[in-house]
PDB file of N, CA and C in Angstrom:
ATOM      1  N   MET A   1       0.790  -1.007  -0.134  1.00  0.00           N
ATOM      2  CA  MET A   1      -0.002   0.004   0.058  1.00  0.00           C
ATOM      3  C   MET A   1       0.808   1.156   0.098  1.00  0.00           C
ATOM      4  N   SER A   2       0.881   2.160  -0.795  1.00  0.00           N
ATOM      5  CA  SER A   2       1.329   3.357  -1.126  1.00  0.00           C
ATOM      6  C   SER A   2       0.587   4.552  -0.468  1.00  0.00           C
ATOM      7  N   ILE A   3       1.233   5.713  -0.209  1.00  0.00           N
ATOM      8  CA  ILE A   3       0.389   6.866   0.021  1.00  0.00           C
ATOM      9  C   ILE A   3       1.233   8.071  -0.990  1.00  0.00           C
ATOM     10  N   PHE A   4       0.349   8.842  -1.738  1.00  0.00           N
ATOM     11  CA  PHE A   4       0.846   9.764  -2.424  1.00  0.00           C
ATOM     12  C   PHE A   4       0.006  11.254  -1.834  1.00  0.00           C
ATOM     13  N   ASP A   5       1.045  12.230  -2.030  1.00  0.00           N
ATOM     14  CA  ASP A   5       0.361  13.611  -1.766  1.00  0.00           C
ATOM     15  C   ASP A   5      -0.254  14.079  -2.844  1.00  0.00           C
ATOM     16  N   ALA A   6      -0.992  15.128  -2.902  1.00  0.00           N
ATOM     17  CA  ALA A   6      -1.664  15.891  -3.990  1.00  0.00           C
ATOM     18  C   ALA A   6      -1.191  15.923  -5.145  1.00  0.00           C
ATOM     19  N   THR A   7       0.289  16.054  -5.233  1.00  0.00           N
ATOM     20  CA  THR A   7       1.127  16.335  -6.395  1.00  0.00           C
ATOM     21  C   THR A   7       1.787  15.079  -7.049  1.00  0.00           C
ATOM     22  N   GLY A   8       1.126  13.862  -6.122  1.00  0.00           N
ATOM     23  CA  GLY A   8       1.338  12.563  -7.110  1.00  0.00           C
ATOM     24  C   GLY A   8       2.960  12.044  -6.316  1.00  0.00           C
ATOM     25  N   ARG A   9       3.421  12.874  -5.624  1.00  0.00           N
ATOM     26  CA  ARG A   9       4.592  12.415  -5.133  1.00  0.00           C
ATOM     27  C   ARG A   9       4.468  11.333  -3.981  1.00  0.00           C
ATOM     28  N   LEU A  10       5.219  10.202  -3.865  1.00  0.00           N
ATOM     29  CA  LEU A  10       5.260   8.764  -3.070  1.00  0.00           C
ATOM     30  C   LEU A  10       5.519   9.640  -1.729  1.00  0.00           C
ATOM     31  N   VAL A  11       4.929   9.439  -0.658  1.00  0.00           N
ATOM     32  CA  VAL A  11       5.561   9.901   0.625  1.00  0.00           C
ATOM     33  C   VAL A  11       5.452   8.864   1.504  1.00  0.00           C
ATOM     34  N   ASN A  12       4.931   7.682   1.484  1.00  0.00           N
ATOM     35  CA  ASN A  12       5.057   6.475   2.083  1.00  0.00           C
ATOM     36  C   ASN A  12       4.773   5.205   1.627  1.00  0.00           C
ATOM     37  N   VAL A  13       5.486   4.137   1.827  1.00  0.00           N
ATOM     38  CA  VAL A  13       5.075   2.777   1.524  1.00  0.00           C
ATOM     39  C   VAL A  13       4.575   1.912   2.727  1.00  0.00           C
ATOM     40  N   LEU A  14       3.504   1.547   2.981  1.00  0.00           N
ATOM     41  CA  LEU A  14       2.941   1.436   4.574  1.00  0.00           C
ATOM     42  C   LEU A  14       3.486  -0.163   4.376  1.00  0.00           C
ATOM     43  N   PHE A  15       3.496  -0.983   3.087  1.00  0.00           N
ATOM     44  CA  PHE A  15       3.762  -2.415   3.360  1.00  0.00           C
ATOM     45  C   PHE A  15       3.964  -2.580   1.903  1.00  0.00           C
ATOM     46  N   ASN A  16       4.906  -3.852   1.383  1.00  0.00           N
ATOM     47  CA  ASN A  16       5.092  -4.177   0.116  1.00  0.00           C
ATOM     48  C   ASN A  16       5.397  -5.589   0.161  1.00  0.00           C
ATOM     49  N   GLU A  17       4.508  -6.390   0.708  1.00  0.00           N
ATOM     50  CA  GLU A  17       5.001  -7.817   0.790  1.00  0.00           C
ATOM     51  C   GLU A  17       3.532  -8.396   0.506  1.00  0.00           C
ATOM     52  N   MET A  18       3.619  -9.802   0.309  1.00  0.00           N
ATOM     53  CA  MET A  18       2.500 -10.821  -0.034  1.00  0.00           C
ATOM     54  C   MET A  18       1.707 -10.911   1.538  1.00  0.00           C
ATOM     55  N   GLN A  19       0.658 -10.688   1.469  1.00  0.00           N
ATOM     56  CA  GLN A  19      -0.369 -11.144   2.801  1.00  0.00           C
ATOM     57  C   GLN A  19      -1.320 -12.329   2.398  1.00  0.00           C
ATOM     58  N   SER A  20      -1.681 -13.207   3.455  1.00  0.00           N
ATOM     59  CA  SER A  20      -2.282 -14.290   3.396  1.00  0.00           C
ATOM     60  C   SER A  20      -3.649 -13.510   2.964  1.00  0.00           C
ATOM     61  N   THR A  21      -4.720 -14.605   2.431  1.00  0.00           N
ATOM     62  CA  THR A  21      -6.137 -14.381   2.142  1.00  0.00           C
ATOM     63  C   THR A  21      -6.734 -13.812   3.581  1.00  0.00           C
ATOM     64  N   GLY A  22      -7.586 -12.954   3.590  1.00  0.00           N
ATOM     65  CA  GLY A  22      -8.358 -12.331   4.595  1.00  0.00           C
ATOM     66  C   GLY A  22      -8.287 -11.016   4.870  1.00  0.00           C
ATOM     67  N   LYS A  23      -8.896 -10.895   6.121  1.00  0.00           N
ATOM     68  CA  LYS A  23      -8.781  -9.343   6.496  1.00  0.00           C
ATOM     69  C   LYS A  23      -7.510  -9.113   7.229  1.00  0.00           C
ATOM     70  N   HIS A  24      -7.075  -7.671   7.011  1.00  0.00           N
ATOM     71  CA  HIS A  24      -5.865  -7.268   7.625  1.00  0.00           C
ATOM     72  C   HIS A  24      -6.145  -5.697   8.098  1.00  0.00           C
ATOM     73  N   PHE A  25      -5.357  -5.368   9.141  1.00  0.00           N
ATOM     74  CA  PHE A  25      -5.591  -4.004   9.636  1.00  0.00           C
ATOM     75  C   PHE A  25      -4.347  -3.591   9.805  1.00  0.00           C
ATOM     76  N   TYR A  26      -4.023  -2.469   9.366  1.00  0.00           N
ATOM     77  CA  TYR A  26      -2.917  -1.668   9.606  1.00  0.00           C
ATOM     78  C   TYR A  26      -3.058  -0.192  10.166  1.00  0.00           C
ATOM     79  N   ASN A  27      -2.491   0.011  11.432  1.00  0.00           N
ATOM     80  CA  ASN A  27      -2.705   1.397  12.055  1.00  0.00           C
ATOM     81  C   ASN A  27      -1.378   2.305  11.580  1.00  0.00           C
ATOM     82  N   TRP A  28      -1.920   3.192  10.851  1.00  0.00           N
ATOM     83  CA  TRP A  28      -0.738   4.230  10.174  1.00  0.00           C
ATOM     84  C   TRP A  28      -1.145   5.691  10.925  1.00  0.00           C
ATOM     85  N   ILE A  29      -0.168   6.244  11.391  1.00  0.00           N
ATOM     86  CA  ILE A  29      -0.144   7.262  12.283  1.00  0.00           C
ATOM     87  C   ILE A  29       0.181   8.734  11.145  1.00  0.00           C
ATOM     88  N   GLY A  30      -0.026   8.401   9.864  1.00  0.00           N
ATOM     89  CA  GLY A  30      -0.063   9.673   9.134  1.00  0.00           C
ATOM     90  C   GLY A  30       1.189  10.207   9.111  1.00  0.00           C
ATOM     91  N   ASP A  31       2.552   9.416   8.813  1.00  0.00           N
ATOM     92  CA  ASP A  31       3.646   9.666   8.946  1.00  0.00           C
ATOM     93  C   ASP A  31       4.336   9.486   7.238  1.00  0.00           C
ATOM     94  N   ASP A  32       5.484  10.119   6.988  1.00  0.00           N
ATOM     95  CA  ASP A  32       6.143   9.791   5.794  1.00  0.00           C
ATOM     96  C   ASP A  32       7.176   8.817   5.924  1.00  0.00           C
ATOM     97  N   SER A  33       7.834   8.425   4.569  1.00  0.00           N
ATOM     98  CA  SER A  33       8.720   7.403   4.781  1.00  0.00           C
ATOM     99  C   SER A  33       9.879   7.672   5.664  1.00  0.00           C
ATOM    100  N   ASN A  34      10.213   8.670   6.309  1.00  0.00           N
ATOM    101  CA  ASN A  34      11.023   9.344   7.213  1.00  0.00           C
ATOM    102  C   ASN A  34      10.758   9.406   8.523  1.00  0.00           C
ATOM    103  N   GLY A  35       9.413   8.842   8.967  1.00  0.00           N
ATOM    104  CA  GLY A  35       8.908   8.906  10.110  1.00  0.00           C
ATOM    105  C   GLY A  35       8.259  10.111  10.578  1.00  0.00           C
ATOM    106  N   ASN A  36       8.371  11.460   9.840  1.00  0.00           N
ATOM    107  CA  ASN A  36       7.855  12.842   9.976  1.00  0.00           C
ATOM    108  C   ASN A  36       6.150  12.715   9.950  1.00  0.00           C
ATOM    109  N   LEU A  37       5.535  13.011  10.811  1.00  0.00           N
ATOM    110  CA  LEU A  37       4.067  13.420  10.520  1.00  0.00           C
ATOM    111  C   LEU A  37       3.628  14.056   9.601  1.00  0.00           C
ATOM    112  N   LEU A  38       2.957  13.627   8.515  1.00  0.00           N
ATOM    113  CA  LEU A  38       2.397  14.583   7.076  1.00  0.00           C
ATOM    114  C   LEU A  38       1.534  15.841   7.788  1.00  0.00           C
ATOM    115  N   GLY A  39       1.690  16.925   7.410  1.00  0.00           N
ATOM    116  CA  GLY A  39       0.591  17.858   7.260  1.00  0.00           C
ATOM    117  C   GLY A  39      -0.951  17.189   7.083  1.00  0.00           C
ATOM    118  N   GLY A  40      -1.960  18.224   7.537  1.00  0.00           N
ATOM    119  CA  GLY A  40      -3.151  17.996   7.049  1.00  0.00           C
ATOM    120  C   GLY A  40      -3.398  18.293   5.892  1.00  0.00           C
ATOM    121  N   GLY A  41      -4.301  17.414   4.996  1.00  0.00           N
ATOM    122  CA  GLY A  41      -4.668  17.634   3.691  1.00  0.00           C
ATOM    123  C   GLY A  41      -5.020  16.548   3.091  1.00  0.00           C
ATOM    124  N   VAL A  42      -4.985  16.466   1.714  1.00  0.00           N
ATOM    125  CA  VAL A  42      -5.783  15.231   1.000  1.00  0.00           C
ATOM    126  C   VAL A  42      -4.383  14.419   0.488  1.00  0.00           C
ATOM    127  N   TYR A  43      -4.543  13.171   0.527  1.00  0.00           N
ATOM    128  CA  TYR A  43      -3.623  12.158  -0.144  1.00  0.00           C
ATOM    129  C   TYR A  43      -4.524  11.348  -0.552  1.00  0.00           C
ATOM    130  N   TYR A  44      -3.656  10.235  -1.341  1.00  0.00           N
ATOM    131  CA  TYR A  44      -4.203   9.327  -2.040  1.00  0.00           C
ATOM    132  C   TYR A  44      -3.564   7.831  -1.702  1.00  0.00           C
ATOM    133  N   TYR A  45      -4.172   6.789  -2.061  1.00  0.00           N
ATOM    134  CA  TYR A  45      -3.586   5.605  -1.585  1.00  0.00           C
ATOM    135  C   TYR A  45      -3.767   4.691  -2.533  1.00  0.00           C
ATOM    136  N   SER A  46      -2.958   3.638  -2.802  1.00  0.00           N
ATOM    137  CA  SER A  46      -2.703   2.819  -3.953  1.00  0.00           C
ATOM    138  C   SER A  46      -2.463   1.248  -3.553  1.00  0.00           C
ATOM    139  N   LEU A  47      -3.602   0.400  -3.811  1.00  0.00           N
ATOM    140  CA  LEU A  47      -3.370  -1.066  -3.100  1.00  0.00           C
ATOM    141  C   LEU A  47      -3.610  -1.994  -4.334  1.00  0.00           C
ATOM    142  N   VAL A  48      -2.628  -3.149  -4.436  1.00  0.00           N
ATOM    143  CA  VAL A  48      -2.629  -3.765  -5.615  1.00  0.00           C
ATOM    144  C   VAL A  48      -2.780  -5.181  -4.618  1.00  0.00           C
ATOM    145  N   ALA A  49      -3.800  -5.797  -4.974  1.00  0.00           N
ATOM    146  CA  ALA A  49      -4.282  -6.944  -4.246  1.00  0.00           C
ATOM    147  C   ALA A  49      -5.254  -8.332  -5.514  1.00  0.00           C
ATOM    148  N   GLY A  50      -4.636  -9.177  -5.346  1.00  0.00           N
ATOM    149  CA  GLY A  50      -5.153 -10.045  -6.242  1.00  0.00           C
ATOM    150  C   GLY A  50      -5.375  -9.750  -7.761  1.00  0.00           C
ATOM    151  N   GLY A  51      -4.226  -9.028  -8.110  1.00  0.00           N
ATOM    152  CA  GLY A  51      -4.228  -8.623  -9.566  1.00  0.00           C
ATOM    153  C   GLY A  51      -5.107  -7.391  -9.823  1.00  0.00           C
ATOM    154  N   GLN A  52      -5.770  -7.048  -8.991  1.00  0.00           N
ATOM    155  CA  GLN A  52      -6.559  -5.744  -8.915  1.00  0.00           C
ATOM    156  C   GLN A  52      -5.800  -4.720  -8.265  1.00  0.00           C
ATOM    157  N   LYS A  53      -6.183  -3.596  -8.877  1.00  0.00           N
ATOM    158  CA  LYS A  53      -5.551  -2.184  -8.098  1.00  0.00           C
ATOM    159  C   LYS A  53      -6.738  -1.328  -7.614  1.00  0.00           C
ATOM    160  N   VAL A  54      -6.661  -1.011  -6.286  1.00  0.00           N
ATOM    161  CA  VAL A  54      -7.742  -0.100  -5.609  1.00  0.00           C
ATOM    162  C   VAL A  54      -6.955   1.288  -5.333  1.00  0.00           C
ATOM    163  N   SER A  55      -7.696   2.103  -5.677  1.00  0.00           N
ATOM    164  CA  SER A  55      -6.881   3.592  -5.390  1.00  0.00           C
ATOM    165  C   SER A  55      -8.107   4.371  -4.467  1.00  0.00           C
ATOM    166  N   GLY A  56      -7.723   5.492  -3.767  1.00  0.00           N
ATOM    167  CA  GLY A  56      -8.693   6.285  -3.623  1.00  0.00           C
ATOM    168  C   GLY A  56      -8.085   7.148  -2.588  1.00  0.00           C
ATOM    169  N   LYS A  57      -9.047   8.251  -2.245  1.00  0.00           N
ATOM    170  CA  LYS A  57      -8.622   9.258  -1.545  1.00  0.00           C
ATOM    171  C   LYS A  57      -8.541   9.200   0.032  1.00  0.00           C
ATOM    172  N   LEU A  58      -7.845  10.023   0.745  1.00  0.00           N
ATOM    173  CA  LEU A  58      -7.775  10.047   2.082  1.00  0.00           C
ATOM    174  C   LEU A  58      -7.743  11.257   2.724  1.00  0.00           C
ATOM    175  N   VAL A  59      -8.142  11.986   3.662  1.00  0.00           N
ATOM    176  CA  VAL A  59      -7.791  13.282   4.418  1.00  0.00           C
ATOM    177  C   VAL A  59      -7.339  13.142   5.901  1.00  0.00           C
ATOM    178  N   ILE A  60      -6.247  13.940   6.030  1.00  0.00           N
ATOM    179  CA  ILE A  60      -5.443  13.931   7.259  1.00  0.00           C
ATOM    180  C   ILE A  60      -5.876  15.133   7.802  1.00  0.00           C
ATOM    181  N   VAL A  61      -6.531  15.172   9.119  1.00  0.00           N
ATOM    182  CA  VAL A  61      -6.910  16.415   9.713  1.00  0.00           C
ATOM    183  C   VAL A  61      -6.218  16.289  11.168  1.00  0.00           C
ATOM    184  N   ARG A  62      -5.522  17.464  11.362  1.00  0.00           N
ATOM    185  CA  ARG A  62      -4.657  17.710  12.317  1.00  0.00           C
ATOM    186  C   ARG A  62      -5.040  18.739  13.295  1.00  0.00           C
TER     187      ARG A  62
END
């Protein structure tokens, strides 16, 4: 799962390995790849699972 800012710049990769089938939960604190907290605003996520790509928008409110 990758997180991008509004300009399309990759800001963090939360995980990048195969997962077993089923539900998975990940608690992300809204940080970048260096551990710095991201500012409030609109971000986008991208997830590839089972040969399908899912993407969407998320909002961080600080």
